[in-house]
Amino acid sequence: MSSANPSVGIGPYLVFVVIVLLVLLRVVRRTFANYRGTRFSLGRTVVFAAVYVILGIVFSGLSFFEGVPYLLVVPELVLGAAAAVWSYRYSDKRVSFWKPADGPLFFRGGVVIYLIYIVGLVTRLSIDLIFIGPAMFNFASTLQLSGTALYGSMTTDLLLVFGVGLLIGRNVRVARRYRKIRRGEEVVPATAPPRAKSWLG
């Protein structure tokens, strides 16, 4: 494994790390909100999902500049697609909606999906911070991981892609159910239903 390139400025690196940490803080807050129940907003749901997916793509994509074989993109795509389909199909009964009389629509559920994503993103970022440092932004072929760091990067990439797929499937299902509720095709209770006894709850 090569050492970090000293020519890479520390300023942009620190700014990016701070931004990522702020996003992670927001994800954690979003996770707690989903556990307690939060007011539903389709626009906010779409924006947050887009940010999570972009971060996942960026960090898993960085791996291919750090020695991870390009062939790994095939199992990553298969895993991400399978996770999205599975989450879409099975999160339907794990995400709950309710609407108080003359009040806004609330929902909750899928907390562990967020936790999987957080673990994947944090561990993936940690590998770059520890073994690459500021040079993670220099896409030169000399920046290569090896040994334990390389296998760790491949493993966390798969975990991160798995989490991204789960989030995509969950949010697509949530958006579809929201449209059904708006059209009157699904009736929701006035109070929060019992929590689902499942790892997706």
N, C-alpha and C. Protein backbone atom coordinates (compact mmCIF):
# COMPACT_ATOMS: atom_id res chain seq x y z
N MET A 1 0.84 -1.20 0.00
CA MET A 1 0.00 0.00 0.00
C MET A 1 0.87 1.23 0.00
N SER A 2 0.58 2.15 -0.88
CA SER A 2 1.39 3.36 -0.98
C SER A 2 0.99 4.33 0.09
N SER A 3 1.90 5.22 0.44
CA SER A 3 1.61 6.26 1.42
C SER A 3 0.85 7.38 0.77
N ALA A 4 0.24 8.23 1.62
CA ALA A 4 -0.54 9.35 1.11
C ALA A 4 0.36 10.32 0.38
N ASN A 5 -0.13 10.87 -0.69
CA ASN A 5 0.61 11.83 -1.50
C ASN A 5 0.65 13.17 -0.79
N PRO A 6 1.82 13.69 -0.41
CA PRO A 6 1.88 14.94 0.32
C PRO A 6 1.45 16.13 -0.49
N SER A 7 1.36 15.98 -1.83
CA SER A 7 0.99 17.11 -2.67
C SER A 7 -0.50 17.40 -2.62
N VAL A 8 -1.28 16.49 -2.03
CA VAL A 8 -2.71 16.69 -1.94
C VAL A 8 -3.01 17.61 -0.78
N GLY A 9 -3.72 18.68 -1.02
CA GLY A 9 -4.00 19.66 0.01
C GLY A 9 -4.88 19.11 1.11
N ILE A 10 -4.58 19.48 2.36
CA ILE A 10 -5.34 19.00 3.50
C ILE A 10 -6.65 19.76 3.63
N GLY A 11 -6.70 21.00 3.09
CA GLY A 11 -7.90 21.82 3.23
C GLY A 11 -9.14 21.19 2.64
N PRO A 12 -9.16 20.89 1.34
CA PRO A 12 -10.34 20.26 0.73
C PRO A 12 -10.70 18.94 1.39
N TYR A 13 -9.67 18.22 1.82
CA TYR A 13 -9.88 16.94 2.49
C TYR A 13 -10.67 17.12 3.79
N LEU A 14 -10.25 18.10 4.60
CA LEU A 14 -10.95 18.35 5.86
C LEU A 14 -12.36 18.86 5.63
N VAL A 15 -12.52 19.71 4.63
CA VAL A 15 -13.85 20.21 4.31
C VAL A 15 -14.77 19.07 3.93
N PHE A 16 -14.27 18.17 3.10
CA PHE A 16 -15.09 17.03 2.67
C PHE A 16 -15.43 16.13 3.85
N VAL A 17 -14.46 15.88 4.73
CA VAL A 17 -14.71 15.03 5.89
C VAL A 17 -15.78 15.66 6.78
N VAL A 18 -15.68 16.97 6.99
CA VAL A 18 -16.68 17.66 7.82
C VAL A 18 -18.07 17.53 7.19
N ILE A 19 -18.15 17.69 5.88
CA ILE A 19 -19.44 17.56 5.18
C ILE A 19 -20.00 16.16 5.36
N VAL A 20 -19.14 15.15 5.19
CA VAL A 20 -19.59 13.77 5.34
C VAL A 20 -20.07 13.50 6.76
N LEU A 21 -19.34 14.03 7.75
CA LEU A 21 -19.74 13.85 9.15
C LEU A 21 -21.08 14.51 9.43
N LEU A 22 -21.30 15.67 8.84
CA LEU A 22 -22.59 16.35 9.01
C LEU A 22 -23.72 15.53 8.39
N VAL A 23 -23.43 14.96 7.22
CA VAL A 23 -24.44 14.11 6.57
C VAL A 23 -24.72 12.88 7.42
N LEU A 24 -23.66 12.28 7.98
CA LEU A 24 -23.84 11.12 8.85
C LEU A 24 -24.68 11.48 10.07
N LEU A 25 -24.42 12.66 10.63
CA LEU A 25 -25.22 13.11 11.77
C LEU A 25 -26.68 13.22 11.38
N ARG A 26 -26.91 13.74 10.17
CA ARG A 26 -28.29 13.86 9.69
C ARG A 26 -28.92 12.49 9.49
N VAL A 27 -28.13 11.53 9.00
CA VAL A 27 -28.65 10.17 8.80
C VAL A 27 -29.03 9.56 10.15
N VAL A 28 -28.16 9.77 11.16
CA VAL A 28 -28.46 9.24 12.49
C VAL A 28 -29.74 9.86 13.05
N ARG A 29 -29.87 11.17 12.89
CA ARG A 29 -31.09 11.84 13.35
C ARG A 29 -32.31 11.32 12.60
N ARG A 30 -32.14 11.09 11.32
CA ARG A 30 -33.23 10.55 10.50
C ARG A 30 -33.61 9.15 10.97
N THR A 31 -32.61 8.37 11.39
CA THR A 31 -32.86 7.03 11.89
C THR A 31 -33.71 7.06 13.15
N PHE A 32 -33.33 7.94 14.09
CA PHE A 32 -34.10 8.08 15.32
C PHE A 32 -35.52 8.57 15.02
N ALA A 33 -35.63 9.49 14.08
CA ALA A 33 -36.95 10.01 13.71
C ALA A 33 -37.83 8.90 13.13
N ASN A 34 -37.22 8.03 12.33
CA ASN A 34 -37.98 6.92 11.76
C ASN A 34 -38.38 5.91 12.82
N TYR A 35 -37.59 5.80 13.86
CA TYR A 35 -37.95 4.88 14.94
C TYR A 35 -39.13 5.44 15.74
N ARG A 36 -39.09 6.72 16.06
CA ARG A 36 -40.17 7.34 16.84
C ARG A 36 -41.42 7.57 16.00
N GLY A 37 -41.21 7.90 14.73
CA GLY A 37 -42.31 8.32 13.87
C GLY A 37 -42.13 9.79 13.53
N THR A 38 -42.25 10.10 12.26
CA THR A 38 -42.02 11.46 11.81
C THR A 38 -43.03 11.86 10.74
N ARG A 39 -43.22 13.14 10.60
CA ARG A 39 -44.15 13.64 9.59
C ARG A 39 -43.63 13.31 8.20
N PHE A 40 -44.51 12.82 7.35
CA PHE A 40 -44.08 12.39 6.02
C PHE A 40 -44.03 13.56 5.05
N SER A 41 -42.95 13.59 4.27
CA SER A 41 -42.79 14.55 3.19
C SER A 41 -42.17 13.82 2.01
N LEU A 42 -42.88 13.77 0.90
CA LEU A 42 -42.37 13.06 -0.27
C LEU A 42 -41.10 13.71 -0.78
N GLY A 43 -41.08 15.05 -0.84
CA GLY A 43 -39.89 15.74 -1.33
C GLY A 43 -38.68 15.48 -0.46
N ARG A 44 -38.85 15.52 0.86
CA ARG A 44 -37.74 15.27 1.77
C ARG A 44 -37.26 13.83 1.68
N THR A 45 -38.21 12.91 1.52
CA THR A 45 -37.84 11.51 1.38
C THR A 45 -37.00 11.28 0.13
N VAL A 46 -37.38 11.91 -0.98
CA VAL A 46 -36.65 11.75 -2.24
C VAL A 46 -35.26 12.38 -2.13
N VAL A 47 -35.18 13.57 -1.55
CA VAL A 47 -33.88 14.27 -1.44
C VAL A 47 -32.91 13.48 -0.57
N PHE A 48 -33.37 13.03 0.60
CA PHE A 48 -32.49 12.28 1.48
C PHE A 48 -32.04 10.98 0.83
N ALA A 49 -32.96 10.29 0.16
CA ALA A 49 -32.60 9.05 -0.52
C ALA A 49 -31.54 9.30 -1.59
N ALA A 50 -31.68 10.40 -2.33
CA ALA A 50 -30.71 10.72 -3.37
C ALA A 50 -29.33 10.98 -2.77
N VAL A 51 -29.29 11.70 -1.65
CA VAL A 51 -28.01 11.99 -0.99
C VAL A 51 -27.36 10.70 -0.51
N TYR A 52 -28.13 9.81 0.10
CA TYR A 52 -27.58 8.55 0.60
C TYR A 52 -27.02 7.70 -0.55
N VAL A 53 -27.75 7.66 -1.65
CA VAL A 53 -27.31 6.87 -2.80
C VAL A 53 -26.04 7.46 -3.41
N ILE A 54 -25.99 8.78 -3.53
CA ILE A 54 -24.80 9.43 -4.11
C ILE A 54 -23.57 9.16 -3.25
N LEU A 55 -23.71 9.29 -1.93
CA LEU A 55 -22.58 9.01 -1.04
C LEU A 55 -22.12 7.56 -1.18
N GLY A 56 -23.08 6.65 -1.27
CA GLY A 56 -22.73 5.25 -1.43
C GLY A 56 -21.98 4.99 -2.73
N ILE A 57 -22.44 5.61 -3.81
CA ILE A 57 -21.79 5.45 -5.11
C ILE A 57 -20.38 6.05 -5.10
N VAL A 58 -20.25 7.22 -4.48
CA VAL A 58 -18.94 7.89 -4.43
C VAL A 58 -17.91 7.03 -3.71
N PHE A 59 -18.26 6.55 -2.53
CA PHE A 59 -17.27 5.83 -1.74
C PHE A 59 -17.01 4.43 -2.27
N SER A 60 -18.03 3.77 -2.78
CA SER A 60 -17.76 2.46 -3.39
C SER A 60 -16.99 2.64 -4.69
N GLY A 61 -17.22 3.76 -5.40
CA GLY A 61 -16.49 4.03 -6.63
C GLY A 61 -15.03 4.35 -6.38
N LEU A 62 -14.73 5.01 -5.25
CA LEU A 62 -13.34 5.32 -4.91
C LEU A 62 -12.50 4.06 -4.79
N SER A 63 -13.12 2.97 -4.40
CA SER A 63 -12.38 1.72 -4.19
C SER A 63 -11.66 1.26 -5.44
N PHE A 64 -12.26 1.52 -6.61
CA PHE A 64 -11.66 1.04 -7.85
C PHE A 64 -10.41 1.83 -8.23
N PHE A 65 -10.21 2.99 -7.58
CA PHE A 65 -8.97 3.74 -7.77
C PHE A 65 -7.93 3.37 -6.72
N GLU A 66 -8.31 2.48 -5.81
CA GLU A 66 -7.43 2.14 -4.69
C GLU A 66 -7.04 0.66 -4.70
N GLY A 67 -7.24 -0.01 -5.82
CA GLY A 67 -6.78 -1.38 -5.95
C GLY A 67 -7.86 -2.44 -5.98
N VAL A 68 -9.11 -2.08 -5.72
CA VAL A 68 -10.19 -3.06 -5.78
C VAL A 68 -10.43 -3.44 -7.24
N PRO A 69 -10.50 -4.73 -7.56
CA PRO A 69 -10.70 -5.16 -8.95
C PRO A 69 -12.03 -4.64 -9.52
N TYR A 70 -11.99 -4.22 -10.78
CA TYR A 70 -13.20 -3.71 -11.42
C TYR A 70 -14.27 -4.78 -11.55
N LEU A 71 -13.88 -6.04 -11.52
CA LEU A 71 -14.85 -7.13 -11.61
C LEU A 71 -15.82 -7.12 -10.43
N LEU A 72 -15.43 -6.46 -9.33
CA LEU A 72 -16.30 -6.42 -8.17
C LEU A 72 -17.59 -5.65 -8.45
N VAL A 73 -17.58 -4.83 -9.51
CA VAL A 73 -18.79 -4.06 -9.81
C VAL A 73 -19.96 -4.98 -10.17
N VAL A 74 -19.67 -6.15 -10.71
CA VAL A 74 -20.75 -7.08 -11.09
C VAL A 74 -21.49 -7.60 -9.86
N PRO A 75 -20.78 -8.20 -8.87
CA PRO A 75 -21.52 -8.63 -7.67
C PRO A 75 -22.13 -7.47 -6.90
N GLU A 76 -21.51 -6.28 -6.97
CA GLU A 76 -22.09 -5.12 -6.30
C GLU A 76 -23.44 -4.75 -6.91
N LEU A 77 -23.51 -4.73 -8.24
CA LEU A 77 -24.76 -4.41 -8.91
C LEU A 77 -25.83 -5.46 -8.63
N VAL A 78 -25.42 -6.73 -8.66
CA VAL A 78 -26.38 -7.82 -8.38
C VAL A 78 -26.87 -7.72 -6.95
N LEU A 79 -25.95 -7.49 -6.01
CA LEU A 79 -26.32 -7.39 -4.60
C LEU A 79 -27.23 -6.20 -4.35
N GLY A 80 -26.87 -5.04 -4.94
CA GLY A 80 -27.69 -3.84 -4.76
C GLY A 80 -29.09 -4.02 -5.32
N ALA A 81 -29.20 -4.61 -6.51
CA ALA A 81 -30.50 -4.83 -7.13
C ALA A 81 -31.33 -5.82 -6.32
N ALA A 82 -30.69 -6.90 -5.86
CA ALA A 82 -31.41 -7.90 -5.07
C ALA A 82 -31.89 -7.30 -3.75
N ALA A 83 -31.05 -6.48 -3.12
CA ALA A 83 -31.44 -5.84 -1.86
C ALA A 83 -32.62 -4.89 -2.07
N ALA A 84 -32.60 -4.15 -3.19
CA ALA A 84 -33.70 -3.22 -3.47
C ALA A 84 -35.01 -3.96 -3.69
N VAL A 85 -34.96 -5.06 -4.47
CA VAL A 85 -36.17 -5.83 -4.73
C VAL A 85 -36.69 -6.46 -3.45
N TRP A 86 -35.79 -7.04 -2.66
CA TRP A 86 -36.20 -7.67 -1.41
C TRP A 86 -36.80 -6.65 -0.46
N SER A 87 -36.14 -5.51 -0.31
CA SER A 87 -36.63 -4.47 0.60
C SER A 87 -37.97 -3.94 0.14
N TYR A 88 -38.14 -3.75 -1.17
CA TYR A 88 -39.40 -3.25 -1.71
C TYR A 88 -40.55 -4.21 -1.41
N ARG A 89 -40.28 -5.49 -1.54
CA ARG A 89 -41.34 -6.48 -1.36
C ARG A 89 -41.70 -6.68 0.11
N TYR A 90 -40.69 -6.67 0.97
CA TYR A 90 -40.94 -7.06 2.36
C TYR A 90 -41.04 -5.90 3.33
N SER A 91 -40.70 -4.69 2.91
CA SER A 91 -40.83 -3.56 3.83
C SER A 91 -42.25 -3.00 3.84
N ASP A 92 -43.10 -3.50 2.96
CA ASP A 92 -44.47 -3.00 2.88
C ASP A 92 -45.18 -3.13 4.23
N LYS A 93 -45.00 -4.27 4.89
CA LYS A 93 -45.66 -4.49 6.17
C LYS A 93 -44.84 -4.00 7.36
N ARG A 94 -43.65 -3.48 7.09
CA ARG A 94 -42.78 -3.03 8.17
C ARG A 94 -42.81 -1.52 8.35
N VAL A 95 -43.33 -0.81 7.35
CA VAL A 95 -43.44 0.64 7.43
C VAL A 95 -44.89 1.00 7.71
N SER A 96 -45.11 1.76 8.77
CA SER A 96 -46.46 2.09 9.21
C SER A 96 -46.78 3.56 8.95
N PHE A 97 -48.00 3.81 8.52
CA PHE A 97 -48.50 5.17 8.33
C PHE A 97 -49.68 5.40 9.27
N TRP A 98 -49.86 6.63 9.70
CA TRP A 98 -51.06 7.01 10.43
C TRP A 98 -51.30 8.50 10.24
N LYS A 99 -52.55 8.90 10.42
CA LYS A 99 -52.91 10.28 10.18
C LYS A 99 -53.99 10.71 11.19
N PRO A 100 -53.59 11.54 12.17
CA PRO A 100 -54.59 12.05 13.12
C PRO A 100 -55.66 12.85 12.39
N ALA A 101 -56.80 12.96 13.01
CA ALA A 101 -57.90 13.72 12.42
C ALA A 101 -57.46 15.16 12.14
N ASP A 102 -57.63 15.59 10.90
CA ASP A 102 -57.26 16.94 10.47
C ASP A 102 -55.77 17.24 10.73
N GLY A 103 -54.94 16.21 10.74
CA GLY A 103 -53.52 16.39 10.97
C GLY A 103 -52.70 15.88 9.80
N PRO A 104 -51.37 16.04 9.86
CA PRO A 104 -50.50 15.57 8.78
C PRO A 104 -50.31 14.06 8.83
N LEU A 105 -49.75 13.53 7.77
CA LEU A 105 -49.48 12.10 7.67
C LEU A 105 -48.14 11.80 8.34
N PHE A 106 -48.09 10.74 9.17
CA PHE A 106 -46.87 10.31 9.83
C PHE A 106 -46.52 8.90 9.38
N PHE A 107 -45.25 8.56 9.56
CA PHE A 107 -44.83 7.19 9.24
C PHE A 107 -43.59 6.84 10.03
N ARG A 108 -43.30 5.54 10.11
CA ARG A 108 -42.08 5.05 10.75
C ARG A 108 -41.82 3.62 10.27
N GLY A 109 -40.58 3.16 10.51
CA GLY A 109 -40.23 1.79 10.14
C GLY A 109 -38.98 1.73 9.29
N GLY A 110 -38.42 0.54 9.21
CA GLY A 110 -37.21 0.34 8.42
C GLY A 110 -35.96 0.88 9.07
N VAL A 111 -35.92 0.92 10.40
CA VAL A 111 -34.80 1.53 11.11
C VAL A 111 -33.50 0.79 10.85
N VAL A 112 -33.56 -0.54 10.88
CA VAL A 112 -32.32 -1.31 10.73
C VAL A 112 -31.72 -1.13 9.34
N ILE A 113 -32.54 -0.81 8.35
CA ILE A 113 -32.01 -0.52 7.02
C ILE A 113 -31.07 0.68 7.09
N TYR A 114 -31.48 1.70 7.83
CA TYR A 114 -30.61 2.86 8.01
C TYR A 114 -29.34 2.48 8.76
N LEU A 115 -29.46 1.62 9.76
CA LEU A 115 -28.29 1.22 10.54
C LEU A 115 -27.29 0.47 9.68
N ILE A 116 -27.78 -0.41 8.80
CA ILE A 116 -26.88 -1.13 7.89
C ILE A 116 -26.14 -0.14 7.00
N TYR A 117 -26.86 0.84 6.49
CA TYR A 117 -26.25 1.85 5.63
C TYR A 117 -25.20 2.65 6.41
N ILE A 118 -25.51 3.05 7.63
CA ILE A 118 -24.57 3.83 8.44
C ILE A 118 -23.30 3.04 8.71
N VAL A 119 -23.45 1.78 9.10
CA VAL A 119 -22.28 0.94 9.37
C VAL A 119 -21.41 0.81 8.12
N GLY A 120 -22.05 0.55 6.97
CA GLY A 120 -21.29 0.42 5.72
C GLY A 120 -20.56 1.70 5.36
N LEU A 121 -21.23 2.85 5.50
CA LEU A 121 -20.61 4.12 5.11
C LEU A 121 -19.49 4.51 6.06
N VAL A 122 -19.71 4.32 7.37
CA VAL A 122 -18.70 4.70 8.35
C VAL A 122 -17.45 3.84 8.21
N THR A 123 -17.63 2.52 8.06
CA THR A 123 -16.46 1.66 7.93
C THR A 123 -15.73 1.91 6.62
N ARG A 124 -16.49 2.20 5.56
CA ARG A 124 -15.84 2.49 4.27
C ARG A 124 -15.04 3.78 4.36
N LEU A 125 -15.60 4.80 4.97
CA LEU A 125 -14.89 6.07 5.14
C LEU A 125 -13.68 5.90 6.04
N SER A 126 -13.81 5.08 7.07
CA SER A 126 -12.70 4.87 8.01
C SER A 126 -11.50 4.25 7.32
N ILE A 127 -11.74 3.31 6.40
CA ILE A 127 -10.63 2.68 5.69
C ILE A 127 -9.86 3.71 4.87
N ASP A 128 -10.60 4.60 4.19
CA ASP A 128 -9.92 5.64 3.40
C ASP A 128 -9.17 6.61 4.30
N LEU A 129 -9.76 6.99 5.41
CA LEU A 129 -9.11 7.94 6.31
C LEU A 129 -7.84 7.35 6.92
N ILE A 130 -7.89 6.07 7.28
CA ILE A 130 -6.75 5.45 7.95
C ILE A 130 -5.63 5.10 6.97
N PHE A 131 -5.98 4.50 5.84
CA PHE A 131 -4.96 3.96 4.94
C PHE A 131 -4.60 4.88 3.78
N ILE A 132 -5.48 5.82 3.44
CA ILE A 132 -5.21 6.71 2.30
C ILE A 132 -5.01 8.15 2.75
N GLY A 133 -5.87 8.63 3.62
CA GLY A 133 -5.75 10.00 4.10
C GLY A 133 -6.14 11.02 3.03
N PRO A 134 -5.56 12.22 3.07
CA PRO A 134 -5.91 13.25 2.09
C PRO A 134 -5.74 12.81 0.64
N ALA A 135 -4.86 11.84 0.41
CA ALA A 135 -4.61 11.40 -0.97
C ALA A 135 -5.77 10.62 -1.55
N MET A 136 -6.83 10.41 -0.76
CA MET A 136 -8.00 9.71 -1.30
C MET A 136 -8.65 10.49 -2.42
N PHE A 137 -8.34 11.80 -2.52
CA PHE A 137 -8.92 12.63 -3.57
C PHE A 137 -8.02 12.72 -4.80
N ASN A 138 -6.88 12.05 -4.77
CA ASN A 138 -5.99 12.00 -5.92
C ASN A 138 -6.18 10.65 -6.59
N PHE A 139 -6.85 10.65 -7.75
CA PHE A 139 -7.20 9.39 -8.39
C PHE A 139 -6.03 8.82 -9.21
N ALA A 140 -4.85 8.87 -8.63
CA ALA A 140 -3.67 8.33 -9.32
C ALA A 140 -3.59 6.83 -9.10
N SER A 141 -3.02 6.13 -10.07
CA SER A 141 -2.93 4.68 -9.98
C SER A 141 -1.95 4.23 -8.91
N THR A 142 -1.12 5.14 -8.38
CA THR A 142 -0.15 4.77 -7.36
C THR A 142 -0.79 4.60 -5.98
N LEU A 143 -2.02 5.08 -5.81
CA LEU A 143 -2.69 4.96 -4.52
C LEU A 143 -3.41 3.62 -4.47
N GLN A 144 -2.76 2.64 -3.91
CA GLN A 144 -3.30 1.29 -3.92
C GLN A 144 -3.38 0.71 -2.51
N LEU A 145 -4.51 0.09 -2.20
CA LEU A 145 -4.64 -0.67 -0.97
C LEU A 145 -4.14 -2.08 -1.22
N SER A 146 -3.76 -2.76 -0.15
CA SER A 146 -3.30 -4.13 -0.29
C SER A 146 -3.58 -4.88 1.01
N GLY A 147 -3.50 -6.19 0.93
CA GLY A 147 -3.64 -7.01 2.12
C GLY A 147 -4.98 -6.83 2.82
N THR A 148 -4.91 -6.68 4.14
CA THR A 148 -6.12 -6.56 4.96
C THR A 148 -6.95 -5.36 4.57
N ALA A 149 -6.29 -4.24 4.28
CA ALA A 149 -7.02 -3.02 3.91
C ALA A 149 -7.83 -3.23 2.63
N LEU A 150 -7.25 -3.95 1.67
CA LEU A 150 -7.95 -4.19 0.40
C LEU A 150 -9.17 -5.07 0.62
N TYR A 151 -8.99 -6.16 1.36
CA TYR A 151 -10.12 -7.05 1.61
C TYR A 151 -11.18 -6.36 2.47
N GLY A 152 -10.73 -5.52 3.41
CA GLY A 152 -11.67 -4.76 4.21
C GLY A 152 -12.48 -3.80 3.36
N SER A 153 -11.81 -3.17 2.39
CA SER A 153 -12.50 -2.24 1.49
C SER A 153 -13.53 -2.97 0.64
N MET A 154 -13.17 -4.14 0.13
CA MET A 154 -14.11 -4.91 -0.69
C MET A 154 -15.32 -5.34 0.13
N THR A 155 -15.09 -5.76 1.37
CA THR A 155 -16.19 -6.20 2.23
C THR A 155 -17.12 -5.05 2.57
N THR A 156 -16.55 -3.91 2.95
CA THR A 156 -17.39 -2.77 3.33
C THR A 156 -18.09 -2.18 2.11
N ASP A 157 -17.48 -2.29 0.94
CA ASP A 157 -18.17 -1.85 -0.28
C ASP A 157 -19.44 -2.66 -0.50
N LEU A 158 -19.34 -3.98 -0.32
CA LEU A 158 -20.50 -4.83 -0.49
C LEU A 158 -21.58 -4.51 0.54
N LEU A 159 -21.14 -4.26 1.79
CA LEU A 159 -22.09 -3.89 2.83
C LEU A 159 -22.76 -2.56 2.51
N LEU A 160 -21.98 -1.60 2.03
CA LEU A 160 -22.53 -0.29 1.70
C LEU A 160 -23.52 -0.38 0.54
N VAL A 161 -23.15 -1.13 -0.49
CA VAL A 161 -24.05 -1.31 -1.63
C VAL A 161 -25.33 -2.02 -1.20
N PHE A 162 -25.18 -2.99 -0.31
CA PHE A 162 -26.35 -3.69 0.23
C PHE A 162 -27.27 -2.71 0.95
N GLY A 163 -26.68 -1.82 1.78
CA GLY A 163 -27.48 -0.82 2.47
C GLY A 163 -28.15 0.16 1.53
N VAL A 164 -27.44 0.57 0.48
CA VAL A 164 -28.01 1.48 -0.52
C VAL A 164 -29.20 0.82 -1.21
N GLY A 165 -29.05 -0.45 -1.57
CA GLY A 165 -30.15 -1.16 -2.21
C GLY A 165 -31.36 -1.27 -1.30
N LEU A 166 -31.13 -1.56 -0.02
CA LEU A 166 -32.23 -1.63 0.93
C LEU A 166 -32.95 -0.30 1.04
N LEU A 167 -32.19 0.80 1.10
CA LEU A 167 -32.79 2.13 1.20
C LEU A 167 -33.62 2.46 -0.04
N ILE A 168 -33.09 2.11 -1.22
CA ILE A 168 -33.83 2.38 -2.45
C ILE A 168 -35.16 1.64 -2.45
N GLY A 169 -35.12 0.35 -2.13
CA GLY A 169 -36.34 -0.44 -2.12
C GLY A 169 -37.35 0.07 -1.11
N ARG A 170 -36.87 0.42 0.08
CA ARG A 170 -37.76 0.93 1.12
C ARG A 170 -38.41 2.23 0.70
N ASN A 171 -37.62 3.15 0.19
CA ASN A 171 -38.16 4.47 -0.15
C ASN A 171 -39.09 4.43 -1.36
N VAL A 172 -38.82 3.54 -2.30
CA VAL A 172 -39.74 3.38 -3.42
C VAL A 172 -41.09 2.85 -2.92
N ARG A 173 -41.04 1.88 -2.02
CA ARG A 173 -42.28 1.35 -1.45
C ARG A 173 -43.02 2.42 -0.65
N VAL A 174 -42.28 3.21 0.13
CA VAL A 174 -42.90 4.28 0.91
C VAL A 174 -43.59 5.29 0.00
N ALA A 175 -42.90 5.69 -1.08
CA ALA A 175 -43.48 6.66 -2.01
C ALA A 175 -44.73 6.09 -2.69
N ARG A 176 -44.70 4.81 -3.03
CA ARG A 176 -45.87 4.20 -3.68
C ARG A 176 -47.05 4.14 -2.73
N ARG A 177 -46.78 3.79 -1.47
CA ARG A 177 -47.88 3.74 -0.50
C ARG A 177 -48.44 5.13 -0.24
N TYR A 178 -47.57 6.13 -0.24
CA TYR A 178 -48.04 7.50 -0.05
C TYR A 178 -49.01 7.90 -1.16
N ARG A 179 -48.69 7.55 -2.39
CA ARG A 179 -49.58 7.86 -3.51
C ARG A 179 -50.91 7.13 -3.37
N LYS A 180 -50.88 5.89 -2.90
CA LYS A 180 -52.11 5.14 -2.70
C LYS A 180 -52.97 5.78 -1.61
N ILE A 181 -52.32 6.28 -0.57
CA ILE A 181 -53.05 6.95 0.51
C ILE A 181 -53.69 8.23 0.00
N ARG A 182 -52.95 8.99 -0.81
CA ARG A 182 -53.50 10.23 -1.35
C ARG A 182 -54.68 9.97 -2.27
N ARG A 183 -54.63 8.87 -3.01
CA ARG A 183 -55.72 8.55 -3.93
C ARG A 183 -56.89 7.87 -3.22
N GLY A 184 -56.75 7.62 -1.93
CA GLY A 184 -57.81 6.98 -1.18
C GLY A 184 -57.86 5.48 -1.34
N GLU A 185 -56.80 4.88 -1.90
CA GLU A 185 -56.77 3.44 -2.10
C GLU A 185 -56.28 2.70 -0.87
N GLU A 186 -55.73 3.41 0.10
CA GLU A 186 -55.29 2.80 1.35
C GLU A 186 -55.76 3.68 2.51
N VAL A 187 -56.42 3.06 3.46
CA VAL A 187 -56.92 3.78 4.63
C VAL A 187 -55.92 3.58 5.77
N VAL A 188 -55.54 4.67 6.41
CA VAL A 188 -54.57 4.60 7.51
C VAL A 188 -55.27 4.94 8.82
N PRO A 189 -54.79 4.38 9.93
CA PRO A 189 -55.42 4.66 11.23
C PRO A 189 -55.11 6.07 11.71
N ALA A 190 -55.83 6.49 12.74
CA ALA A 190 -55.64 7.83 13.30
C ALA A 190 -54.53 7.87 14.34
N THR A 191 -54.10 6.70 14.81
CA THR A 191 -53.03 6.62 15.79
C THR A 191 -51.95 5.66 15.28
N ALA A 192 -50.77 5.79 15.85
CA ALA A 192 -49.65 4.95 15.43
C ALA A 192 -49.92 3.49 15.72
N PRO A 193 -49.80 2.62 14.74
CA PRO A 193 -50.01 1.18 14.97
C PRO A 193 -48.84 0.59 15.75
N PRO A 194 -49.01 -0.61 16.29
CA PRO A 194 -47.91 -1.26 17.03
C PRO A 194 -46.69 -1.44 16.13
N ARG A 195 -45.52 -1.39 16.74
CA ARG A 195 -44.30 -1.57 15.97
C ARG A 195 -44.21 -2.99 15.44
N ALA A 196 -43.67 -3.12 14.23
CA ALA A 196 -43.49 -4.45 13.63
C ALA A 196 -42.41 -5.21 14.37
N LYS A 197 -42.68 -6.45 14.69
CA LYS A 197 -41.69 -7.29 15.38
C LYS A 197 -40.80 -7.94 14.34
N SER A 198 -39.91 -7.15 13.79
CA SER A 198 -39.04 -7.64 12.71
C SER A 198 -37.79 -6.79 12.69
N TRP A 199 -36.72 -7.32 12.10
CA TRP A 199 -35.48 -6.55 11.98
C TRP A 199 -35.65 -5.36 11.06
N LEU A 200 -36.75 -5.33 10.28
CA LEU A 200 -37.01 -4.18 9.42
C LEU A 200 -37.86 -3.14 10.12
N GLY A 201 -38.29 -3.42 11.35
CA GLY A 201 -39.17 -2.49 12.05
C GLY A 201 -38.47 -1.28 12.60
